[in-house]
PDB file of N, CA and C in Angstrom:
ATOM      1  N   MET A   1     -64.418  18.013 -45.618  1.00  0.00           N
ATOM      2  CA  MET A   1     -63.395  18.970 -45.230  1.00  0.00           C
ATOM      3  C   MET A   1     -62.181  18.742 -46.118  1.00  0.00           C
ATOM      4  N   THR A   2     -61.739  19.795 -46.750  1.00  0.00           N
ATOM      5  CA  THR A   2     -60.567  19.674 -47.620  1.00  0.00           C
ATOM      6  C   THR A   2     -59.305  19.931 -46.815  1.00  0.00           C
ATOM      7  N   LEU A   3     -58.187  19.620 -47.443  1.00  0.00           N
ATOM      8  CA  LEU A   3     -56.896  19.832 -46.771  1.00  0.00           C
ATOM      9  C   LEU A   3     -56.651  21.316 -46.524  1.00  0.00           C
ATOM     10  N   LYS A   4     -57.082  22.156 -47.485  1.00  0.00           N
ATOM     11  CA  LYS A   4     -56.885  23.603 -47.343  1.00  0.00           C
ATOM     12  C   LYS A   4     -57.681  24.155 -46.152  1.00  0.00           C
ATOM     13  N   SER A   5     -58.928  23.746 -46.005  1.00  0.00           N
ATOM     14  CA  SER A   5     -59.730  24.256 -44.891  1.00  0.00           C
ATOM     15  C   SER A   5     -59.234  23.703 -43.559  1.00  0.00           C
ATOM     16  N   ALA A   6     -58.727  22.477 -43.529  1.00  0.00           N
ATOM     17  CA  ALA A   6     -58.173  21.919 -42.294  1.00  0.00           C
ATOM     18  C   ALA A   6     -56.912  22.676 -41.879  1.00  0.00           C
ATOM     19  N   ALA A   7     -56.062  23.008 -42.858  1.00  0.00           N
ATOM     20  CA  ALA A   7     -54.846  23.760 -42.543  1.00  0.00           C
ATOM     21  C   ALA A   7     -55.187  25.158 -42.050  1.00  0.00           C
ATOM     22  N   LEU A   8     -56.186  25.789 -42.675  1.00  0.00           N
ATOM     23  CA  LEU A   8     -56.605  27.117 -42.234  1.00  0.00           C
ATOM     24  C   LEU A   8     -57.144  27.074 -40.815  1.00  0.00           C
ATOM     25  N   GLY A   9     -57.915  26.040 -40.471  1.00  0.00           N
ATOM     26  CA  GLY A   9     -58.429  25.891 -39.117  1.00  0.00           C
ATOM     27  C   GLY A   9     -57.324  25.711 -38.108  1.00  0.00           C
ATOM     28  N   LEU A  10     -56.280  24.962 -38.461  1.00  0.00           N
ATOM     29  CA  LEU A  10     -55.144  24.749 -37.568  1.00  0.00           C
ATOM     30  C   LEU A  10     -54.381  26.054 -37.358  1.00  0.00           C
ATOM     31  N   ILE A  11     -54.175  26.814 -38.424  1.00  0.00           N
ATOM     32  CA  ILE A  11     -53.458  28.093 -38.303  1.00  0.00           C
ATOM     33  C   ILE A  11     -54.252  29.050 -37.421  1.00  0.00           C
ATOM     34  N   MET A  12     -55.561  29.135 -37.623  1.00  0.00           N
ATOM     35  CA  MET A  12     -56.378  30.028 -36.800  1.00  0.00           C
ATOM     36  C   MET A  12     -56.352  29.588 -35.340  1.00  0.00           C
ATOM     37  N   CYS A  13     -56.370  28.286 -35.086  1.00  0.00           N
ATOM     38  CA  CYS A  13     -56.316  27.781 -33.722  1.00  0.00           C
ATOM     39  C   CYS A  13     -54.991  28.153 -33.071  1.00  0.00           C
ATOM     40  N   LEU A  14     -53.884  28.000 -33.785  1.00  0.00           N
ATOM     41  CA  LEU A  14     -52.573  28.319 -33.224  1.00  0.00           C
ATOM     42  C   LEU A  14     -52.430  29.814 -32.969  1.00  0.00           C
ATOM     43  N   THR A  15     -52.947  30.665 -33.847  1.00  0.00           N
ATOM     44  CA  THR A  15     -52.826  32.099 -33.619  1.00  0.00           C
ATOM     45  C   THR A  15     -53.690  32.559 -32.451  1.00  0.00           C
ATOM     46  N   VAL A  16     -54.874  31.964 -32.282  1.00  0.00           N
ATOM     47  CA  VAL A  16     -55.719  32.328 -31.142  1.00  0.00           C
ATOM     48  C   VAL A  16     -55.042  31.922 -29.839  1.00  0.00           C
ATOM     49  N   VAL A  17     -54.440  30.745 -29.798  1.00  0.00           N
ATOM     50  CA  VAL A  17     -53.744  30.305 -28.590  1.00  0.00           C
ATOM     51  C   VAL A  17     -52.557  31.200 -28.303  1.00  0.00           C
ATOM     52  N   SER A  18     -51.813  31.604 -29.338  1.00  0.00           N
ATOM     53  CA  SER A  18     -50.642  32.440 -29.099  1.00  0.00           C
ATOM     54  C   SER A  18     -51.028  33.841 -28.650  1.00  0.00           C
ATOM     55  N   THR A  19     -52.203  34.347 -29.051  1.00  0.00           N
ATOM     56  CA  THR A  19     -52.609  35.668 -28.591  1.00  0.00           C
ATOM     57  C   THR A  19     -53.200  35.622 -27.184  1.00  0.00           C
ATOM     58  N   LEU A  20     -53.654  34.463 -26.746  1.00  0.00           N
ATOM     59  CA  LEU A  20     -54.210  34.375 -25.398  1.00  0.00           C
ATOM     60  C   LEU A  20     -53.128  34.352 -24.328  1.00  0.00           C
ATOM     61  N   PHE A  21     -51.961  33.868 -24.649  1.00  0.00           N
ATOM     62  CA  PHE A  21     -50.874  33.763 -23.683  1.00  0.00           C
ATOM     63  C   PHE A  21     -49.816  34.795 -24.009  1.00  0.00           C
ATOM     64  N   ALA A  22     -49.650  35.761 -23.153  1.00  0.00           N
ATOM     65  CA  ALA A  22     -48.680  36.828 -23.378  1.00  0.00           C
ATOM     66  C   ALA A  22     -47.319  36.420 -22.820  1.00  0.00           C
ATOM     67  N   GLN A  23     -46.335  37.247 -23.071  1.00  0.00           N
ATOM     68  CA  GLN A  23     -44.991  37.025 -22.556  1.00  0.00           C
ATOM     69  C   GLN A  23     -44.995  37.156 -21.034  1.00  0.00           C
ATOM     70  N   ASP A  24     -43.997  36.579 -20.389  1.00  0.00           N
ATOM     71  CA  ASP A  24     -43.855  36.741 -18.945  1.00  0.00           C
ATOM     72  C   ASP A  24     -43.500  38.185 -18.619  1.00  0.00           C
ATOM     73  N   TYR A  25     -43.940  38.646 -17.464  1.00  0.00           N
ATOM     74  CA  TYR A  25     -43.639  39.996 -17.003  1.00  0.00           C
ATOM     75  C   TYR A  25     -42.584  39.887 -15.913  1.00  0.00           C
ATOM     76  N   THR A  26     -41.406  40.439 -16.174  1.00  0.00           N
ATOM     77  CA  THR A  26     -40.293  40.369 -15.231  1.00  0.00           C
ATOM     78  C   THR A  26     -39.968  41.779 -14.761  1.00  0.00           C
ATOM     79  N   ASN A  27     -39.911  41.949 -13.444  1.00  0.00           N
ATOM     80  CA  ASN A  27     -39.644  43.275 -12.900  1.00  0.00           C
ATOM     81  C   ASN A  27     -38.947  43.135 -11.550  1.00  0.00           C
ATOM     82  N   VAL A  28     -37.856  43.880 -11.367  1.00  0.00           N
ATOM     83  CA  VAL A  28     -37.142  43.905 -10.097  1.00  0.00           C
ATOM     84  C   VAL A  28     -36.955  45.369  -9.712  1.00  0.00           C
ATOM     85  N   ASP A  29     -37.483  45.748  -8.546  1.00  0.00           N
ATOM     86  CA  ASP A  29     -37.360  47.111  -8.030  1.00  0.00           C
ATOM     87  C   ASP A  29     -36.504  47.090  -6.768  1.00  0.00           C
ATOM     88  N   VAL A  30     -35.678  48.137  -6.589  1.00  0.00           N
ATOM     89  CA  VAL A  30     -34.793  48.220  -5.424  1.00  0.00           C
ATOM     90  C   VAL A  30     -34.894  49.625  -4.835  1.00  0.00           C
ATOM     91  N   ALA A  31     -34.940  49.707  -3.506  1.00  0.00           N
ATOM     92  CA  ALA A  31     -34.943  50.993  -2.805  1.00  0.00           C
ATOM     93  C   ALA A  31     -33.916  50.937  -1.678  1.00  0.00           C
ATOM     94  N   ILE A  32     -33.133  52.001  -1.565  1.00  0.00           N
ATOM     95  CA  ILE A  32     -32.135  52.116  -0.493  1.00  0.00           C
ATOM     96  C   ILE A  32     -32.448  53.402   0.272  1.00  0.00           C
ATOM     97  N   VAL A  33     -32.600  53.271   1.604  1.00  0.00           N
ATOM     98  CA  VAL A  33     -32.955  54.420   2.449  1.00  0.00           C
ATOM     99  C   VAL A  33     -31.932  54.526   3.569  1.00  0.00           C
ATOM    100  N   ARG A  34     -31.497  55.759   3.833  1.00  0.00           N
ATOM    101  CA  ARG A  34     -30.536  55.998   4.927  1.00  0.00           C
ATOM    102  C   ARG A  34     -30.997  57.220   5.717  1.00  0.00           C
ATOM    103  N   ASP A  35     -31.115  57.054   7.037  1.00  0.00           N
ATOM    104  CA  ASP A  35     -31.457  58.163   7.926  1.00  0.00           C
ATOM    105  C   ASP A  35     -30.184  58.674   8.592  1.00  0.00           C
ATOM    106  N   VAL A  36     -29.988  59.989   8.536  1.00  0.00           N
ATOM    107  CA  VAL A  36     -28.821  60.621   9.161  1.00  0.00           C
ATOM    108  C   VAL A  36     -29.334  61.620  10.191  1.00  0.00           C
ATOM    109  N   ARG A  37     -28.888  61.483  11.435  1.00  0.00           N
ATOM    110  CA  ARG A  37     -29.316  62.407  12.492  1.00  0.00           C
ATOM    111  C   ARG A  37     -28.516  63.705  12.365  1.00  0.00           C
ATOM    112  N   VAL A  38     -29.236  64.818  12.229  1.00  0.00           N
ATOM    113  CA  VAL A  38     -28.609  66.130  12.078  1.00  0.00           C
ATOM    114  C   VAL A  38     -28.534  66.833  13.425  1.00  0.00           C
ATOM    115  N   ALA A  39     -29.606  66.760  14.213  1.00  0.00           N
ATOM    116  CA  ALA A  39     -29.658  67.365  15.543  1.00  0.00           C
ATOM    117  C   ALA A  39     -30.479  66.434  16.430  1.00  0.00           C
ATOM    118  N   GLN A  40     -30.796  66.895  17.638  1.00  0.00           N
ATOM    119  CA  GLN A  40     -31.504  66.053  18.597  1.00  0.00           C
ATOM    120  C   GLN A  40     -32.801  65.491  18.026  1.00  0.00           C
ATOM    121  N   GLU A  41     -33.633  66.337  17.444  1.00  0.00           N
ATOM    122  CA  GLU A  41     -34.940  65.919  16.939  1.00  0.00           C
ATOM    123  C   GLU A  41     -35.039  65.993  15.417  1.00  0.00           C
ATOM    124  N   THR A  42     -33.944  66.219  14.745  1.00  0.00           N
ATOM    125  CA  THR A  42     -33.966  66.414  13.294  1.00  0.00           C
ATOM    126  C   THR A  42     -33.180  65.310  12.591  1.00  0.00           C
ATOM    127  N   ARG A  43     -33.815  64.767  11.557  1.00  0.00           N
ATOM    128  CA  ARG A  43     -33.153  63.726  10.750  1.00  0.00           C
ATOM    129  C   ARG A  43     -33.198  64.134   9.281  1.00  0.00           C
ATOM    130  N   LEU A  44     -32.231  63.639   8.537  1.00  0.00           N
ATOM    131  CA  LEU A  44     -32.195  63.812   7.094  1.00  0.00           C
ATOM    132  C   LEU A  44     -32.288  62.426   6.477  1.00  0.00           C
ATOM    133  N   GLN A  45     -33.305  62.212   5.671  1.00  0.00           N
ATOM    134  CA  GLN A  45     -33.496  60.908   5.042  1.00  0.00           C
ATOM    135  C   GLN A  45     -33.069  61.006   3.580  1.00  0.00           C
ATOM    136  N   VAL A  46     -32.127  60.144   3.189  1.00  0.00           N
ATOM    137  CA  VAL A  46     -31.649  60.078   1.814  1.00  0.00           C
ATOM    138  C   VAL A  46     -32.171  58.774   1.219  1.00  0.00           C
ATOM    139  N   ARG A  47     -32.746  58.874   0.038  1.00  0.00           N
ATOM    140  CA  ARG A  47     -33.419  57.718  -0.559  1.00  0.00           C
ATOM    141  C   ARG A  47     -33.058  57.615  -2.034  1.00  0.00           C
ATOM    142  N   ALA A  48     -32.793  56.390  -2.488  1.00  0.00           N
ATOM    143  CA  ALA A  48     -32.555  56.101  -3.910  1.00  0.00           C
ATOM    144  C   ALA A  48     -33.416  54.905  -4.295  1.00  0.00           C
ATOM    145  N   GLU A  49     -34.159  55.039  -5.380  1.00  0.00           N
ATOM    146  CA  GLU A  49     -35.027  53.959  -5.852  1.00  0.00           C
ATOM    147  C   GLU A  49     -34.732  53.696  -7.321  1.00  0.00           C
ATOM    148  N   VAL A  50     -34.684  52.414  -7.662  1.00  0.00           N
ATOM    149  CA  VAL A  50     -34.465  52.007  -9.052  1.00  0.00           C
ATOM    150  C   VAL A  50     -35.584  51.034  -9.415  1.00  0.00           C
ATOM    151  N   PHE A  51     -36.282  51.335 -10.505  1.00  0.00           N
ATOM    152  CA  PHE A  51     -37.363  50.486 -10.988  1.00  0.00           C
ATOM    153  C   PHE A  51     -36.889  49.769 -12.248  1.00  0.00           C
ATOM    154  N   ASN A  52     -37.218  48.485 -12.363  1.00  0.00           N
ATOM    155  CA  ASN A  52     -36.787  47.637 -13.473  1.00  0.00           C
ATOM    156  C   ASN A  52     -35.258  47.600 -13.541  1.00  0.00           C
ATOM    157  N   VAL A  53     -34.637  47.159 -12.454  1.00  0.00           N
ATOM    158  CA  VAL A  53     -33.182  47.151 -12.308  1.00  0.00           C
ATOM    159  C   VAL A  53     -32.490  46.391 -13.441  1.00  0.00           C
ATOM    160  N   MET A  54     -33.051  45.261 -13.845  1.00  0.00           N
ATOM    161  CA  MET A  54     -32.428  44.437 -14.879  1.00  0.00           C
ATOM    162  C   MET A  54     -32.653  44.997 -16.286  1.00  0.00           C
ATOM    163  N   ASN A  55     -33.460  46.047 -16.408  1.00  0.00           N
ATOM    164  CA  ASN A  55     -33.789  46.676 -17.675  1.00  0.00           C
ATOM    165  C   ASN A  55     -34.341  45.658 -18.669  1.00  0.00           C
ATOM    166  N   HIS A  56     -35.195  44.775 -18.186  1.00  0.00           N
ATOM    167  CA  HIS A  56     -35.804  43.730 -19.005  1.00  0.00           C
ATOM    168  C   HIS A  56     -36.974  44.307 -19.795  1.00  0.00           C
ATOM    169  N   VAL A  57     -37.048  43.997 -21.080  1.00  0.00           N
ATOM    170  CA  VAL A  57     -38.138  44.492 -21.922  1.00  0.00           C
ATOM    171  C   VAL A  57     -39.390  43.665 -21.640  1.00  0.00           C
ATOM    172  N   ASN A  58     -40.441  44.316 -21.201  1.00  0.00           N
ATOM    173  CA  ASN A  58     -41.734  43.673 -20.981  1.00  0.00           C
ATOM    174  C   ASN A  58     -42.670  44.125 -22.088  1.00  0.00           C
ATOM    175  N   LEU A  59     -42.877  43.240 -23.063  1.00  0.00           N
ATOM    176  CA  LEU A  59     -43.688  43.588 -24.216  1.00  0.00           C
ATOM    177  C   LEU A  59     -45.166  43.595 -23.861  1.00  0.00           C
ATOM    178  N   GLY A  60     -45.913  44.442 -24.567  1.00  0.00           N
ATOM    179  CA  GLY A  60     -47.356  44.509 -24.380  1.00  0.00           C
ATOM    180  C   GLY A  60     -48.039  43.340 -25.070  1.00  0.00           C
ATOM    181  N   LEU A  61     -49.358  43.361 -25.068  1.00  0.00           N
ATOM    182  CA  LEU A  61     -50.131  42.299 -25.705  1.00  0.00           C
ATOM    183  C   LEU A  61     -50.215  42.525 -27.210  1.00  0.00           C
ATOM    184  N   PRO A  62     -50.235  41.452 -27.989  1.00  0.00           N
ATOM    185  CA  PRO A  62     -50.379  41.619 -29.444  1.00  0.00           C
ATOM    186  C   PRO A  62     -51.806  42.000 -29.813  1.00  0.00           C
ATOM    187  N   VAL A  63     -51.971  42.563 -31.004  1.00  0.00           N
ATOM    188  CA  VAL A  63     -53.293  42.914 -31.522  1.00  0.00           C
ATOM    189  C   VAL A  63     -54.062  41.619 -31.752  1.00  0.00           C
ATOM    190  N   ALA A  64     -55.268  41.509 -31.219  1.00  0.00           N
ATOM    191  CA  ALA A  64     -56.032  40.263 -31.270  1.00  0.00           C
ATOM    192  C   ALA A  64     -57.172  40.295 -32.285  1.00  0.00           C
ATOM    193  N   ASP A  65     -57.284  41.365 -33.049  1.00  0.00           N
ATOM    194  CA  ASP A  65     -58.361  41.483 -34.037  1.00  0.00           C
ATOM    195  C   ASP A  65     -57.971  40.727 -35.303  1.00  0.00           C
ATOM    196  N   LEU A  66     -58.717  39.672 -35.640  1.00  0.00           N
ATOM    197  CA  LEU A  66     -58.397  38.852 -36.805  1.00  0.00           C
ATOM    198  C   LEU A  66     -58.524  39.624 -38.112  1.00  0.00           C
ATOM    199  N   ASN A  67     -59.330  40.658 -38.151  1.00  0.00           N
ATOM    200  CA  ASN A  67     -59.535  41.434 -39.374  1.00  0.00           C
ATOM    201  C   ASN A  67     -58.530  42.565 -39.538  1.00  0.00           C
ATOM    202  N   SER A  68     -57.671  42.749 -38.570  1.00  0.00           N
ATOM    203  CA  SER A  68     -56.707  43.841 -38.619  1.00  0.00           C
ATOM    204  C   SER A  68     -55.467  43.438 -39.416  1.00  0.00           C
ATOM    205  N   ALA A  69     -54.907  44.401 -40.129  1.00  0.00           N
ATOM    206  CA  ALA A  69     -53.649  44.152 -40.837  1.00  0.00           C
ATOM    207  C   ALA A  69     -52.494  44.009 -39.852  1.00  0.00           C
ATOM    208  N   ASN A  70     -52.691  44.477 -38.636  1.00  0.00           N
ATOM    209  CA  ASN A  70     -51.657  44.393 -37.601  1.00  0.00           C
ATOM    210  C   ASN A  70     -51.865  43.211 -36.656  1.00  0.00           C
ATOM    211  N   PHE A  71     -52.588  42.210 -37.093  1.00  0.00           N
ATOM    212  CA  PHE A  71     -52.886  41.049 -36.247  1.00  0.00           C
ATOM    213  C   PHE A  71     -51.600  40.413 -35.741  1.00  0.00           C
ATOM    214  N   GLU A  72     -51.547  40.179 -34.427  1.00  0.00           N
ATOM    215  CA  GLU A  72     -50.425  39.572 -33.713  1.00  0.00           C
ATOM    216  C   GLU A  72     -49.168  40.435 -33.666  1.00  0.00           C
ATOM    217  N   ARG A  73     -49.257  41.690 -34.025  1.00  0.00           N
ATOM    218  CA  ARG A  73     -48.106  42.587 -33.876  1.00  0.00           C
ATOM    219  C   ARG A  73     -48.185  43.241 -32.498  1.00  0.00           C
ATOM    220  N   ILE A  74     -47.023  43.540 -31.947  1.00  0.00           N
ATOM    221  CA  ILE A  74     -46.941  44.162 -30.625  1.00  0.00           C
ATOM    222  C   ILE A  74     -46.437  45.585 -30.803  1.00  0.00           C
ATOM    223  N   PHE A  75     -47.194  46.548 -30.288  1.00  0.00           N
ATOM    224  CA  PHE A  75     -46.862  47.959 -30.458  1.00  0.00           C
ATOM    225  C   PHE A  75     -46.506  48.670 -29.160  1.00  0.00           C
ATOM    226  N   SER A  76     -46.478  47.958 -28.051  1.00  0.00           N
ATOM    227  CA  SER A  76     -46.212  48.635 -26.782  1.00  0.00           C
ATOM    228  C   SER A  76     -45.244  47.810 -25.948  1.00  0.00           C
ATOM    229  N   ALA A  77     -44.618  48.490 -25.021  1.00  0.00           N
ATOM    230  CA  ALA A  77     -43.697  47.838 -24.091  1.00  0.00           C
ATOM    231  C   ALA A  77     -43.789  48.554 -22.749  1.00  0.00           C
ATOM    232  N   GLY A  78     -43.337  47.885 -21.710  1.00  0.00           N
ATOM    233  CA  GLY A  78     -43.327  48.480 -20.379  1.00  0.00           C
ATOM    234  C   GLY A  78     -42.246  49.533 -20.259  1.00  0.00           C
ATOM    235  N   PRO A  79     -42.191  50.212 -19.142  1.00  0.00           N
ATOM    236  CA  PRO A  79     -41.202  51.282 -18.970  1.00  0.00           C
ATOM    237  C   PRO A  79     -39.781  50.737 -18.870  1.00  0.00           C
ATOM    238  N   PRO A  80     -38.791  51.532 -19.281  1.00  0.00           N
ATOM    239  CA  PRO A  80     -37.390  51.124 -19.140  1.00  0.00           C
ATOM    240  C   PRO A  80     -36.935  51.288 -17.694  1.00  0.00           C
ATOM    241  N   ARG A  81     -35.645  51.134 -17.457  1.00  0.00           N
ATOM    242  CA  ARG A  81     -35.097  51.344 -16.109  1.00  0.00           C
ATOM    243  C   ARG A  81     -35.288  52.805 -15.728  1.00  0.00           C
ATOM    244  N   LEU A  82     -35.856  53.027 -14.552  1.00  0.00           N
ATOM    245  CA  LEU A  82     -36.076  54.378 -14.040  1.00  0.00           C
ATOM    246  C   LEU A  82     -35.410  54.501 -12.684  1.00  0.00           C
ATOM    247  N   MET A  83     -34.814  55.665 -12.421  1.00  0.00           N
ATOM    248  CA  MET A  83     -34.185  55.930 -11.126  1.00  0.00           C
ATOM    249  C   MET A  83     -34.738  57.233 -10.571  1.00  0.00           C
ATOM    250  N   GLN A  84     -34.901  57.260  -9.251  1.00  0.00           N
ATOM    251  CA  GLN A  84     -35.285  58.511  -8.602  1.00  0.00           C
ATOM    252  C   GLN A  84     -34.565  58.623  -7.266  1.00  0.00           C
ATOM    253  N   PHE A  85     -34.205  59.855  -6.965  1.00  0.00           N
ATOM    254  CA  PHE A  85     -33.474  60.135  -5.737  1.00  0.00           C
ATOM    255  C   PHE A  85     -34.240  61.202  -4.969  1.00  0.00           C
ATOM    256  N   ALA A  86     -34.206  61.099  -3.628  1.00  0.00           N
ATOM    257  CA  ALA A  86     -34.942  62.055  -2.798  1.00  0.00           C
ATOM    258  C   ALA A  86     -34.174  62.313  -1.508  1.00  0.00           C
ATOM    259  N   VAL A  87     -34.348  63.520  -0.997  1.00  0.00           N
ATOM    260  CA  VAL A  87     -33.802  63.914   0.303  1.00  0.00           C
ATOM    261  C   VAL A  87     -34.958  64.557   1.072  1.00  0.00           C
ATOM    262  N   LYS A  88     -35.171  64.091   2.311  1.00  0.00           N
ATOM    263  CA  LYS A  88     -36.287  64.607   3.110  1.00  0.00           C
ATOM    264  C   LYS A  88     -35.755  65.013   4.478  1.00  0.00           C
ATOM    265  N   LEU A  89     -36.120  66.204   4.903  1.00  0.00           N
ATOM    266  CA  LEU A  89     -35.761  66.702   6.227  1.00  0.00           C
ATOM    267  C   LEU A  89     -36.939  66.444   7.161  1.00  0.00           C
ATOM    268  N   ILE A  90     -36.699  65.651   8.212  1.00  0.00           N
ATOM    269  CA  ILE A  90     -37.746  65.292   9.168  1.00  0.00           C
ATOM    270  C   ILE A  90     -37.437  65.999  10.479  1.00  0.00           C
ATOM    271  N   PHE A  91     -38.368  66.867  10.946  1.00  0.00           N
ATOM    272  CA  PHE A  91     -38.136  67.591  12.204  1.00  0.00           C
ATOM    273  C   PHE A  91     -39.361  67.564  13.072  1.00  0.00           C
TER     274      PHE A  91
END
């Protein structure tokens, strides 16, 4: 075994290990709901939801194909901060 082949084996081992373990996935979602009585049997529900409150970037998995020119590159990410609001009449 030459020094060049040993170094190549070490590099391949390190890249395989790095592609097997992805980044941590961090996500915090919050929902706030309020019921307001409009009449005896009628309620109005107001709702606000926020997904990924901290707006943390969750990267996708890197390309794991050793023959690809894009090996170990990351081309995807999770969704950004999203908000949705709703009003529901319950009778």
